[in-house]
N, C-alpha and C. Protein backbone atom coordinates (compact mmCIF):
# COMPACT_ATOMS: atom_id res chain seq x y z
N UNK A 1 0.83 -1.17 0.00
CA UNK A 1 0.00 0.00 0.00
C UNK A 1 0.88 1.24 0.00
N UNK A 2 0.45 2.24 -0.74
CA UNK A 2 1.20 3.49 -0.74
C UNK A 2 0.65 4.40 0.34
N UNK A 3 1.10 5.65 0.37
CA UNK A 3 0.69 6.58 1.42
C UNK A 3 -0.78 6.95 1.35
N UNK A 4 -1.40 6.76 0.19
CA UNK A 4 -2.82 7.09 0.04
C UNK A 4 -3.71 5.86 0.26
N UNK A 5 -3.13 4.73 0.61
CA UNK A 5 -3.90 3.54 0.88
C UNK A 5 -4.19 2.69 -0.35
N UNK A 6 -3.61 3.05 -1.49
CA UNK A 6 -3.80 2.27 -2.70
C UNK A 6 -2.80 1.12 -2.70
N UNK A 7 -3.25 -0.04 -3.19
CA UNK A 7 -2.34 -1.18 -3.29
C UNK A 7 -1.44 -1.00 -4.49
N UNK A 8 -0.14 -1.11 -4.25
CA UNK A 8 0.85 -0.95 -5.30
C UNK A 8 1.41 -2.32 -5.64
N UNK A 9 1.48 -2.63 -6.92
CA UNK A 9 2.00 -3.92 -7.34
C UNK A 9 3.49 -3.81 -7.62
N UNK A 10 4.27 -4.46 -6.77
CA UNK A 10 5.72 -4.51 -6.96
C UNK A 10 6.12 -5.97 -6.88
N UNK A 11 6.29 -6.58 -8.01
CA UNK A 11 6.64 -7.99 -8.03
C UNK A 11 8.08 -8.17 -8.45
N UNK A 12 8.68 -9.24 -7.92
CA UNK A 12 10.05 -9.57 -8.29
C UNK A 12 10.08 -10.13 -9.70
N UNK A 13 11.15 -9.85 -10.40
CA UNK A 13 11.34 -10.39 -11.73
C UNK A 13 11.82 -11.83 -11.67
N UNK A 14 11.83 -12.50 -12.81
CA UNK A 14 12.24 -13.91 -12.82
C UNK A 14 13.70 -14.11 -12.40
N UNK A 15 14.57 -13.18 -12.71
CA UNK A 15 15.98 -13.31 -12.32
C UNK A 15 16.12 -13.23 -10.80
N UNK A 16 15.44 -12.28 -10.18
CA UNK A 16 15.51 -12.14 -8.72
C UNK A 16 14.94 -13.37 -8.03
N UNK A 17 13.85 -13.91 -8.57
CA UNK A 17 13.27 -15.13 -7.99
C UNK A 17 14.24 -16.29 -8.07
N UNK A 18 14.91 -16.43 -9.20
CA UNK A 18 15.86 -17.51 -9.38
C UNK A 18 17.03 -17.37 -8.39
N UNK A 19 17.54 -16.14 -8.24
CA UNK A 19 18.64 -15.89 -7.31
C UNK A 19 18.20 -16.19 -5.88
N UNK A 20 16.99 -15.75 -5.51
CA UNK A 20 16.49 -16.01 -4.16
C UNK A 20 16.36 -17.50 -3.89
N UNK A 21 15.87 -18.24 -4.87
CA UNK A 21 15.71 -19.68 -4.69
C UNK A 21 17.05 -20.36 -4.45
N UNK A 22 18.08 -19.92 -5.16
CA UNK A 22 19.40 -20.54 -5.02
C UNK A 22 20.10 -20.10 -3.74
N UNK A 23 20.06 -18.80 -3.44
CA UNK A 23 20.78 -18.31 -2.26
C UNK A 23 20.13 -18.76 -0.97
N UNK A 24 18.82 -19.02 -0.97
CA UNK A 24 18.17 -19.47 0.26
C UNK A 24 18.59 -20.88 0.65
N UNK A 25 19.21 -21.61 -0.27
CA UNK A 25 19.68 -22.97 0.03
C UNK A 25 21.01 -22.96 0.79
N UNK A 26 21.72 -21.85 0.76
CA UNK A 26 23.05 -21.76 1.39
C UNK A 26 22.88 -21.34 2.86
N UNK A 27 23.47 -22.08 3.79
CA UNK A 27 23.38 -21.68 5.20
C UNK A 27 24.00 -20.31 5.43
N UNK A 28 23.36 -19.51 6.26
CA UNK A 28 23.83 -18.14 6.52
C UNK A 28 25.22 -18.13 7.15
N UNK A 29 25.54 -19.16 7.91
CA UNK A 29 26.86 -19.23 8.55
C UNK A 29 27.99 -19.22 7.53
N UNK A 30 27.76 -19.77 6.37
CA UNK A 30 28.81 -19.85 5.36
C UNK A 30 29.31 -18.46 4.96
N UNK A 31 28.40 -17.51 4.86
CA UNK A 31 28.80 -16.14 4.48
C UNK A 31 29.64 -15.51 5.59
N UNK A 32 29.26 -15.74 6.84
CA UNK A 32 30.02 -15.20 7.95
C UNK A 32 31.42 -15.81 7.98
N UNK A 33 31.52 -17.12 7.82
CA UNK A 33 32.82 -17.78 7.83
C UNK A 33 33.66 -17.38 6.62
N UNK A 34 33.02 -17.13 5.49
CA UNK A 34 33.77 -16.66 4.32
C UNK A 34 34.37 -15.28 4.59
N UNK A 35 33.61 -14.41 5.25
CA UNK A 35 34.12 -13.07 5.58
C UNK A 35 35.27 -13.16 6.57
N UNK A 36 35.12 -13.98 7.60
CA UNK A 36 36.19 -14.14 8.60
C UNK A 36 37.44 -14.73 7.95
N UNK A 37 37.25 -15.70 7.06
CA UNK A 37 38.38 -16.30 6.35
C UNK A 37 39.10 -15.26 5.50
N UNK A 38 38.37 -14.40 4.84
CA UNK A 38 38.99 -13.33 4.05
C UNK A 38 39.81 -12.39 4.92
N UNK A 39 39.27 -12.06 6.08
CA UNK A 39 40.01 -11.18 6.98
C UNK A 39 41.29 -11.85 7.48
N UNK A 40 41.20 -13.13 7.81
CA UNK A 40 42.39 -13.87 8.27
C UNK A 40 43.42 -13.99 7.16
N UNK A 41 42.94 -14.28 5.95
CA UNK A 41 43.86 -14.38 4.81
C UNK A 41 44.52 -13.04 4.53
N UNK A 42 43.73 -11.97 4.65
CA UNK A 42 44.28 -10.63 4.43
C UNK A 42 45.35 -10.30 5.46
N UNK A 43 45.09 -10.65 6.72
CA UNK A 43 46.09 -10.41 7.76
C UNK A 43 47.36 -11.21 7.50
N UNK A 44 47.19 -12.46 7.10
CA UNK A 44 48.34 -13.30 6.79
C UNK A 44 49.16 -12.70 5.64
N UNK A 45 48.49 -12.25 4.60
CA UNK A 45 49.18 -11.63 3.46
C UNK A 45 49.88 -10.34 3.86
N UNK A 46 49.24 -9.59 4.75
CA UNK A 46 49.85 -8.34 5.22
C UNK A 46 51.13 -8.64 6.01
N UNK A 47 51.09 -9.67 6.84
CA UNK A 47 52.28 -10.07 7.61
C UNK A 47 53.39 -10.52 6.67
N UNK A 48 52.99 -11.15 5.55
CA UNK A 48 53.97 -11.61 4.55
C UNK A 48 54.43 -10.46 3.64
N UNK A 49 53.97 -9.25 3.94
CA UNK A 49 54.31 -8.03 3.21
C UNK A 49 53.85 -8.06 1.75
N UNK A 50 52.74 -8.71 1.50
CA UNK A 50 52.10 -8.68 0.18
C UNK A 50 50.90 -7.72 0.29
N UNK A 51 51.24 -6.44 0.38
CA UNK A 51 50.25 -5.43 0.75
C UNK A 51 49.10 -5.29 -0.25
N UNK A 52 49.38 -5.27 -1.52
CA UNK A 52 48.31 -5.09 -2.51
C UNK A 52 47.36 -6.28 -2.52
N UNK A 53 47.91 -7.46 -2.43
CA UNK A 53 47.08 -8.67 -2.39
C UNK A 53 46.28 -8.71 -1.10
N UNK A 54 46.87 -8.29 0.00
CA UNK A 54 46.17 -8.26 1.29
C UNK A 54 44.97 -7.32 1.23
N UNK A 55 45.15 -6.16 0.61
CA UNK A 55 44.03 -5.22 0.47
C UNK A 55 42.93 -5.81 -0.44
N UNK A 56 43.35 -6.44 -1.51
CA UNK A 56 42.39 -7.03 -2.45
C UNK A 56 41.54 -8.10 -1.76
N UNK A 57 42.19 -9.01 -1.05
CA UNK A 57 41.47 -10.10 -0.38
C UNK A 57 40.65 -9.55 0.79
N UNK A 58 41.18 -8.58 1.51
CA UNK A 58 40.48 -8.00 2.65
C UNK A 58 39.18 -7.32 2.27
N UNK A 59 39.11 -6.82 1.05
CA UNK A 59 37.88 -6.15 0.60
C UNK A 59 36.76 -7.12 0.26
N UNK A 60 37.02 -8.40 0.26
CA UNK A 60 35.98 -9.39 -0.01
C UNK A 60 35.06 -9.59 1.18
N UNK A 61 35.52 -9.24 2.37
CA UNK A 61 34.73 -9.50 3.59
C UNK A 61 33.38 -8.78 3.56
N UNK A 62 33.38 -7.52 3.19
CA UNK A 62 32.12 -6.75 3.18
C UNK A 62 31.08 -7.35 2.22
N UNK A 63 31.44 -7.68 0.98
CA UNK A 63 30.43 -8.31 0.11
C UNK A 63 29.90 -9.63 0.66
N UNK A 64 30.76 -10.43 1.27
CA UNK A 64 30.27 -11.69 1.86
C UNK A 64 29.27 -11.42 2.97
N UNK A 65 29.53 -10.41 3.79
CA UNK A 65 28.59 -10.07 4.86
C UNK A 65 27.28 -9.55 4.28
N UNK A 66 27.36 -8.77 3.22
CA UNK A 66 26.14 -8.28 2.56
C UNK A 66 25.34 -9.43 1.94
N UNK A 67 26.04 -10.37 1.33
CA UNK A 67 25.36 -11.55 0.79
C UNK A 67 24.67 -12.32 1.92
N UNK A 68 25.31 -12.40 3.07
CA UNK A 68 24.71 -13.07 4.21
C UNK A 68 23.44 -12.39 4.68
N UNK A 69 23.46 -11.06 4.71
CA UNK A 69 22.26 -10.30 5.08
C UNK A 69 21.15 -10.54 4.06
N UNK A 70 21.49 -10.49 2.79
CA UNK A 70 20.51 -10.76 1.74
C UNK A 70 19.94 -12.16 1.89
N UNK A 71 20.81 -13.12 2.14
CA UNK A 71 20.40 -14.51 2.32
C UNK A 71 19.41 -14.62 3.48
N UNK A 72 19.72 -13.97 4.59
CA UNK A 72 18.84 -14.03 5.76
C UNK A 72 17.48 -13.39 5.45
N UNK A 73 17.49 -12.27 4.76
CA UNK A 73 16.23 -11.62 4.39
C UNK A 73 15.39 -12.50 3.47
N UNK A 74 16.03 -13.16 2.54
CA UNK A 74 15.31 -14.05 1.64
C UNK A 74 14.67 -15.19 2.42
N UNK A 75 15.40 -15.71 3.39
CA UNK A 75 14.86 -16.81 4.19
C UNK A 75 13.70 -16.35 5.07
N UNK A 76 13.77 -15.12 5.57
CA UNK A 76 12.72 -14.62 6.44
C UNK A 76 11.49 -14.15 5.67
N UNK A 77 11.73 -13.46 4.58
CA UNK A 77 10.63 -12.84 3.84
C UNK A 77 10.20 -13.62 2.61
N UNK A 78 11.11 -14.34 2.00
CA UNK A 78 10.78 -15.08 0.78
C UNK A 78 10.56 -14.14 -0.40
N UNK A 79 9.83 -14.65 -1.36
CA UNK A 79 9.53 -13.83 -2.53
C UNK A 79 8.57 -12.70 -2.17
N UNK A 80 8.37 -11.85 -3.10
CA UNK A 80 7.46 -10.73 -2.95
C UNK A 80 6.10 -11.22 -2.43
N UNK A 81 5.53 -10.52 -1.48
CA UNK A 81 4.27 -10.96 -0.88
C UNK A 81 3.13 -11.04 -1.88
N UNK A 82 3.21 -10.32 -2.97
CA UNK A 82 2.13 -10.34 -3.97
C UNK A 82 2.17 -11.62 -4.82
N UNK A 83 3.29 -12.34 -4.78
CA UNK A 83 3.39 -13.58 -5.52
C UNK A 83 2.79 -14.76 -4.78
N UNK A 84 2.49 -14.58 -3.50
CA UNK A 84 1.98 -15.68 -2.68
C UNK A 84 0.51 -15.93 -2.92
C-alpha cells in the first residue's frame, strides 16, 4: 500500500526469484565464515608483506557479509508478498 492507501503492485522479476531460490539454500553461517576467512587471509598476506594482495582479499569480507544479510532476508521474507 502506498501513502494514500492504494495497493501498489511490486513484483520480483524472474531473475531475482531464481537468485532467491538458489541463495536461500546456502546456510547463513557460510557467508560469515567466508568473511572471517577473508580477513584472516588478508592479515596473513599483510604479515607476509604482500600489501596489494592483502588489500584485495580483505575487501571481499564486506560483500560476503552483505550476501549473508541478503540470504537471511530471503529466508525470512521469501519472494514478494504479492506472488503468494
